[in-house]
Amino acid sequence: MRKQLSAFSFQLSASGAAWRVARGGFAVAGLAALLAVAGCRQDMQNQPKIRSQRGSEAFADHRGARPQVANTVARGQLHEDSYFYTGVVQAADGYREEKNEMPFPVTLDVLKRGQERFNIYCSPCHSRVGNGLGEIVQRGYKPAANYHDQVRLSQPISHYFYVMTHGYGAMPDYSAQLTPVDRWAVAAYIRALQLSQAAKLDDVPSGVPVRSLKEIAQEQHLPEGFAEPWTLPPTAVQALPNDVKQGNPALAPTGPADTKITIPQSKPAIKAAK
């Protein structure tokens, strides 16, 4: 019995020693792996690269953010034709001036592109015929500009490009949604809308058939009264009273057609007493 207990104790001691040796090996291996990982991260952490808003030893002035090279322009930002990108020119008095001309020829493809963009981005407010009674007006929003009133008919075509670029009143700018060439296409289509709503039979070339809008509406099974003049919904909000001169339906003008600006004269300087 004593021999069996002694043998069993010896086995326990041997296994304990082996476990301690193995555990020590695991600790050494883990420490080596930890040092290897730390050393690898340190090498990646100290890469010779430029970080924003930090200094750098790679340049003599120790600035990581490099200044722009003089007399250079970024690719795609030359914008040589300023009228194409702004819609205005410098007038004789030094102020900006809008022009009633397109920066490129207007073709049927340009008008189709303008119609597509107009129906997507402009018609919710201005409606598809441009009378300012889009869907949002029927839901209580302020009526948009009526392209067929006296004010808008007298405005040059680049005015629409400028407004789409910078916004006007309650209208935000659409420079993010419409590229410059698309803004010009929409402006050309607006002019086509103005001509279409005031067209006469004499404007139609000879030999071209003319059909009434009511007949077309019946063929396409549109609602009754589709071809009739639109009326202003009672939910429309306007700050000024209606003016029958502003087209059909009578809309309130957004402001005077020709705002007169006067600058008071400066008082003469008082001469110093001798």
Protein backbone atom coordinates (compact mmCIF):
# COMPACT_ATOMS: atom_id res chain seq x y z
CA MET A 1 0.00 0.00 0.00
CA ARG A 2 2.82 2.39 0.86
CA LYS A 3 4.57 1.57 -2.42
CA GLN A 4 1.41 2.40 -4.36
CA LEU A 5 1.02 5.75 -2.54
CA SER A 6 4.65 6.62 -3.19
CA ALA A 7 4.32 5.82 -6.88
CA PHE A 8 1.16 7.89 -7.10
CA SER A 9 2.84 10.86 -5.34
CA PHE A 10 5.79 10.62 -7.72
CA GLN A 11 3.48 10.70 -10.69
CA LEU A 12 1.70 13.81 -9.33
CA SER A 13 5.02 15.55 -8.74
CA ALA A 14 6.23 14.73 -12.24
CA SER A 15 3.02 15.92 -13.87
CA GLY A 16 3.07 19.14 -11.80
CA ALA A 17 6.64 19.86 -12.88
CA ALA A 18 5.76 19.21 -16.50
CA TRP A 19 2.77 21.57 -16.25
CA ARG A 20 4.95 24.29 -14.70
CA VAL A 21 7.45 23.92 -17.52
CA ALA A 22 4.67 24.05 -20.14
CA ARG A 23 3.08 27.06 -18.49
CA GLY A 24 6.41 28.83 -18.48
CA GLY A 25 6.77 28.04 -22.19
CA PHE A 26 3.33 29.46 -22.88
CA ALA A 27 4.21 32.65 -21.02
CA VAL A 28 7.42 33.09 -22.96
CA ALA A 29 5.64 32.45 -26.26
CA GLY A 30 2.88 34.92 -25.38
CA LEU A 31 5.38 37.56 -24.36
CA ALA A 32 7.27 37.09 -27.61
CA ALA A 33 4.06 37.40 -29.61
CA LEU A 34 3.07 40.54 -27.68
CA LEU A 35 6.45 42.13 -28.35
CA ALA A 36 6.19 41.24 -32.02
CA VAL A 37 2.72 42.77 -32.32
CA ALA A 38 3.76 45.91 -30.43
CA GLY A 39 6.79 46.32 -32.61
CA CYS A 40 4.73 45.89 -35.78
CA ARG A 41 2.17 48.50 -34.66
CA GLN A 42 4.94 50.90 -33.76
CA ASP A 43 6.38 50.66 -37.24
CA MET A 44 2.94 51.30 -38.81
CA GLN A 45 2.18 54.08 -36.36
CA ASN A 46 5.29 56.06 -37.31
CA GLN A 47 4.84 56.05 -41.07
CA PRO A 48 6.47 58.91 -43.00
CA LYS A 49 3.15 60.39 -44.18
CA ILE A 50 1.43 63.75 -44.01
CA ARG A 51 -1.48 64.13 -41.58
CA SER A 52 -3.97 66.95 -41.90
CA GLN A 53 -3.42 69.96 -39.63
CA ARG A 54 -0.09 68.58 -38.37
CA GLY A 55 3.49 69.57 -38.85
CA SER A 56 5.94 67.64 -40.98
CA GLU A 57 9.69 67.23 -41.05
CA ALA A 58 9.61 66.52 -44.77
CA PHE A 59 9.51 70.22 -45.69
CA ALA A 60 11.71 73.12 -44.72
CA ASP A 61 8.82 75.17 -43.30
CA HIS A 62 7.54 72.14 -41.30
CA ARG A 63 4.00 72.58 -42.65
CA GLY A 64 2.13 69.43 -43.56
CA ALA A 65 -0.62 71.32 -45.43
CA ARG A 66 1.10 72.65 -48.51
CA PRO A 67 0.10 76.04 -50.02
CA GLN A 68 -1.25 76.12 -53.54
CA VAL A 69 1.24 76.61 -56.30
CA ALA A 70 1.04 80.13 -57.69
CA ASN A 71 -0.65 80.63 -61.07
CA THR A 72 -2.14 77.14 -61.17
CA VAL A 73 -5.77 75.93 -61.43
CA ALA A 74 -7.16 72.59 -60.32
CA ARG A 75 -8.17 70.19 -63.04
CA GLY A 76 -11.70 70.93 -64.30
CA GLN A 77 -11.91 74.31 -62.53
CA LEU A 78 -10.47 76.68 -65.13
CA HIS A 79 -13.86 78.18 -66.04
CA GLU A 80 -12.52 80.35 -68.85
CA ASP A 81 -16.02 81.28 -70.04
CA SER A 82 -17.27 83.17 -66.99
CA TYR A 83 -20.67 83.88 -68.56
CA PHE A 84 -21.29 80.15 -69.01
CA TYR A 85 -20.61 79.48 -65.32
CA THR A 86 -22.17 82.62 -63.79
CA GLY A 87 -24.83 83.89 -66.20
CA VAL A 88 -23.65 87.49 -65.77
CA VAL A 89 -21.08 89.82 -67.27
CA GLN A 90 -19.49 92.98 -65.96
CA ALA A 91 -21.43 96.03 -67.10
CA ALA A 92 -19.97 99.40 -67.96
CA ASP A 93 -20.74 100.69 -64.47
CA GLY A 94 -18.84 97.79 -62.90
CA TYR A 95 -21.90 95.92 -61.64
CA ARG A 96 -23.03 92.51 -62.87
CA GLU A 97 -25.37 92.44 -65.82
CA GLU A 98 -27.61 89.66 -67.14
CA LYS A 99 -27.85 89.02 -70.87
CA ASN A 100 -30.61 87.71 -73.06
CA GLU A 101 -28.48 85.19 -74.93
CA MET A 102 -27.39 81.58 -74.59
CA PRO A 103 -23.69 80.67 -74.35
CA PHE A 104 -24.18 77.82 -76.86
CA PRO A 105 -26.63 77.02 -79.69
CA VAL A 106 -30.07 75.78 -78.64
CA THR A 107 -31.03 72.56 -80.39
CA LEU A 108 -34.00 70.24 -80.00
CA ASP A 109 -31.87 67.94 -77.84
CA VAL A 110 -31.07 70.87 -75.54
CA LEU A 111 -34.77 71.68 -75.16
CA LYS A 112 -35.62 68.04 -74.46
CA ARG A 113 -32.94 67.90 -71.79
CA GLY A 114 -34.22 71.15 -70.31
CA GLN A 115 -37.78 69.82 -70.29
CA GLU A 116 -36.69 66.66 -68.50
CA ARG A 117 -34.76 68.58 -65.82
CA PHE A 118 -37.56 71.15 -65.50
CA ASN A 119 -40.21 68.50 -64.93
CA ILE A 120 -38.06 66.88 -62.25
CA TYR A 121 -36.83 69.87 -60.24
CA CYS A 122 -39.00 72.86 -61.22
CA SER A 123 -42.51 71.61 -61.90
CA PRO A 124 -43.34 70.74 -58.22
CA CYS A 125 -43.37 74.50 -57.56
CA HIS A 126 -43.82 76.19 -60.96
CA SER A 127 -46.06 73.50 -62.55
CA ARG A 128 -45.33 71.92 -65.91
CA VAL A 129 -46.60 74.96 -67.80
CA GLY A 130 -44.69 77.40 -65.61
CA ASN A 131 -47.61 79.35 -64.13
CA GLY A 132 -46.43 78.95 -60.55
CA LEU A 133 -49.21 76.61 -59.44
CA GLY A 134 -47.33 73.41 -58.78
CA GLU A 135 -48.38 70.62 -56.45
CA ILE A 136 -46.87 72.29 -53.38
CA VAL A 137 -49.15 75.32 -53.85
CA GLN A 138 -52.18 73.05 -53.52
CA ARG A 139 -50.78 72.04 -50.14
CA GLY A 140 -50.52 75.52 -48.69
CA TYR A 141 -47.11 76.64 -49.97
CA LYS A 142 -46.49 80.14 -51.31
CA PRO A 143 -47.10 80.33 -55.10
CA ALA A 144 -43.93 80.22 -57.13
CA ALA A 145 -43.02 82.67 -59.87
CA ASN A 146 -45.32 82.77 -62.86
CA TYR A 147 -43.15 82.70 -65.97
CA HIS A 148 -45.93 84.27 -68.02
CA ASP A 149 -46.40 87.49 -66.08
CA GLN A 150 -44.97 90.82 -67.14
CA VAL A 151 -42.01 90.66 -64.80
CA ARG A 152 -40.73 87.26 -65.89
CA LEU A 153 -41.39 87.87 -69.60
CA SER A 154 -39.18 90.95 -69.49
CA GLN A 155 -36.28 89.21 -67.74
CA PRO A 156 -33.26 88.07 -69.80
CA ILE A 157 -32.69 84.37 -70.20
CA SER A 158 -29.54 84.38 -68.08
CA HIS A 159 -31.64 85.58 -65.13
CA TYR A 160 -33.10 82.08 -64.79
CA PHE A 161 -29.61 80.58 -64.83
CA TYR A 162 -28.51 83.00 -62.11
CA VAL A 163 -31.53 82.22 -59.91
CA MET A 164 -31.00 78.47 -60.30
CA THR A 165 -27.38 78.97 -59.28
CA HIS A 166 -27.93 81.21 -56.24
CA GLY A 167 -31.60 80.87 -55.32
CA TYR A 168 -34.11 83.69 -54.91
CA GLY A 169 -36.49 84.42 -52.05
CA ALA A 170 -38.07 81.19 -50.82
CA MET A 171 -36.47 79.26 -53.68
CA PRO A 172 -33.19 77.52 -52.79
CA ASP A 173 -30.36 77.20 -55.25
CA TYR A 174 -30.16 74.11 -57.46
CA SER A 175 -26.47 74.26 -58.29
CA ALA A 176 -25.96 70.86 -56.64
CA GLN A 177 -28.76 69.20 -58.58
CA LEU A 178 -28.19 70.87 -61.96
CA THR A 179 -24.87 71.21 -63.75
CA PRO A 180 -24.18 74.53 -65.54
CA VAL A 181 -25.10 73.06 -68.93
CA ASP A 182 -28.36 71.67 -67.48
CA ARG A 183 -29.20 75.05 -65.93
CA TRP A 184 -28.83 76.68 -69.32
CA ALA A 185 -30.97 73.95 -70.87
CA VAL A 186 -33.71 74.61 -68.30
CA ALA A 187 -33.48 78.35 -68.97
CA ALA A 188 -33.92 77.70 -72.69
CA TYR A 189 -36.93 75.48 -71.98
CA ILE A 190 -38.48 78.19 -69.78
CA ARG A 191 -38.25 80.57 -72.72
CA ALA A 192 -39.91 77.91 -74.89
CA LEU A 193 -42.70 77.59 -72.31
CA GLN A 194 -43.26 81.34 -72.44
CA LEU A 195 -43.52 81.25 -76.21
CA SER A 196 -45.86 78.24 -76.15
CA GLN A 197 -48.37 79.84 -73.77
CA ALA A 198 -48.60 82.98 -75.92
CA ALA A 199 -48.36 81.31 -79.33
CA LYS A 200 -50.63 82.32 -82.20
CA LEU A 201 -51.66 80.56 -85.38
CA ASP A 202 -49.49 82.97 -87.33
CA ASP A 203 -46.44 81.58 -85.50
CA VAL A 204 -47.02 78.07 -86.89
CA PRO A 205 -45.17 77.34 -90.16
CA SER A 206 -47.38 76.73 -93.14
CA GLY A 207 -48.32 73.10 -93.70
CA VAL A 208 -47.99 72.13 -90.02
CA PRO A 209 -51.31 70.83 -88.59
CA VAL A 210 -52.66 72.59 -85.52
CA ARG A 211 -54.86 70.83 -82.98
CA SER A 212 -56.65 72.26 -79.98
CA LEU A 213 -55.53 71.31 -76.50
CA LYS A 214 -59.07 70.29 -75.57
CA GLU A 215 -59.14 67.73 -78.39
CA ILE A 216 -55.81 66.26 -77.30
CA ALA A 217 -56.98 66.13 -73.67
CA GLN A 218 -60.09 64.17 -74.66
CA GLU A 219 -58.07 61.68 -76.68
CA GLN A 220 -55.72 61.06 -73.76
CA HIS A 221 -58.65 60.74 -71.31
CA LEU A 222 -57.46 63.60 -69.15
CA PRO A 223 -59.78 65.12 -66.51
CA GLU A 224 -62.47 67.49 -67.68
CA GLY A 225 -61.27 71.05 -67.53
CA PHE A 226 -57.63 70.07 -68.04
CA ALA A 227 -57.31 72.50 -70.94
CA GLU A 228 -59.16 75.29 -69.13
CA PRO A 229 -57.35 78.15 -67.38
CA TRP A 230 -56.02 77.16 -64.00
CA THR A 231 -57.40 78.77 -60.89
CA LEU A 232 -55.52 79.67 -57.76
CA PRO A 233 -56.31 77.13 -55.00
CA PRO A 234 -57.73 78.56 -51.76
CA THR A 235 -54.81 77.12 -49.79
CA ALA A 236 -52.28 79.36 -51.55
CA VAL A 237 -50.46 81.84 -49.32
CA GLN A 238 -49.57 85.26 -50.68
CA ALA A 239 -48.16 88.34 -49.04
CA LEU A 240 -49.44 90.81 -51.66
CA PRO A 241 -52.92 91.21 -53.18
CA ASN A 242 -53.64 89.64 -56.54
CA ASP A 243 -52.81 91.62 -59.65
CA VAL A 244 -54.72 90.75 -62.83
CA LYS A 245 -51.79 92.05 -64.87
CA GLN A 246 -49.62 89.21 -63.62
CA GLY A 247 -51.07 86.59 -65.94
CA ASN A 248 -53.71 83.89 -65.66
CA PRO A 249 -54.44 83.03 -62.90
CA ALA A 250 -53.92 86.41 -61.29
CA LEU A 251 -50.92 86.10 -59.01
CA ALA A 252 -49.42 88.55 -56.61
CA PRO A 253 -46.14 90.02 -57.84
CA THR A 254 -43.07 89.05 -55.87
CA GLY A 255 -41.89 92.65 -56.00
CA PRO A 256 -41.83 95.75 -58.17
CA ALA A 257 -40.73 95.14 -61.74
CA ASP A 258 -38.12 97.88 -61.61
CA THR A 259 -36.98 98.67 -58.12
CA LYS A 260 -35.54 102.16 -57.97
CA ILE A 261 -32.57 102.50 -55.68
CA THR A 262 -31.45 105.95 -54.62
CA ILE A 263 -28.27 106.78 -52.78
CA PRO A 264 -28.40 109.88 -50.59
CA GLN A 265 -25.82 112.49 -51.36
CA SER A 266 -23.03 112.93 -48.89
CA LYS A 267 -22.98 116.12 -46.87
CA PRO A 268 -20.21 118.52 -47.81
CA ALA A 269 -17.25 118.37 -45.53
CA ILE A 270 -17.05 121.21 -42.98
CA LYS A 271 -13.99 123.31 -43.53
CA ALA A 272 -11.79 123.71 -40.54
CA ALA A 273 -11.79 127.15 -39.03
CA LYS A 274 -8.62 129.12 -39.59
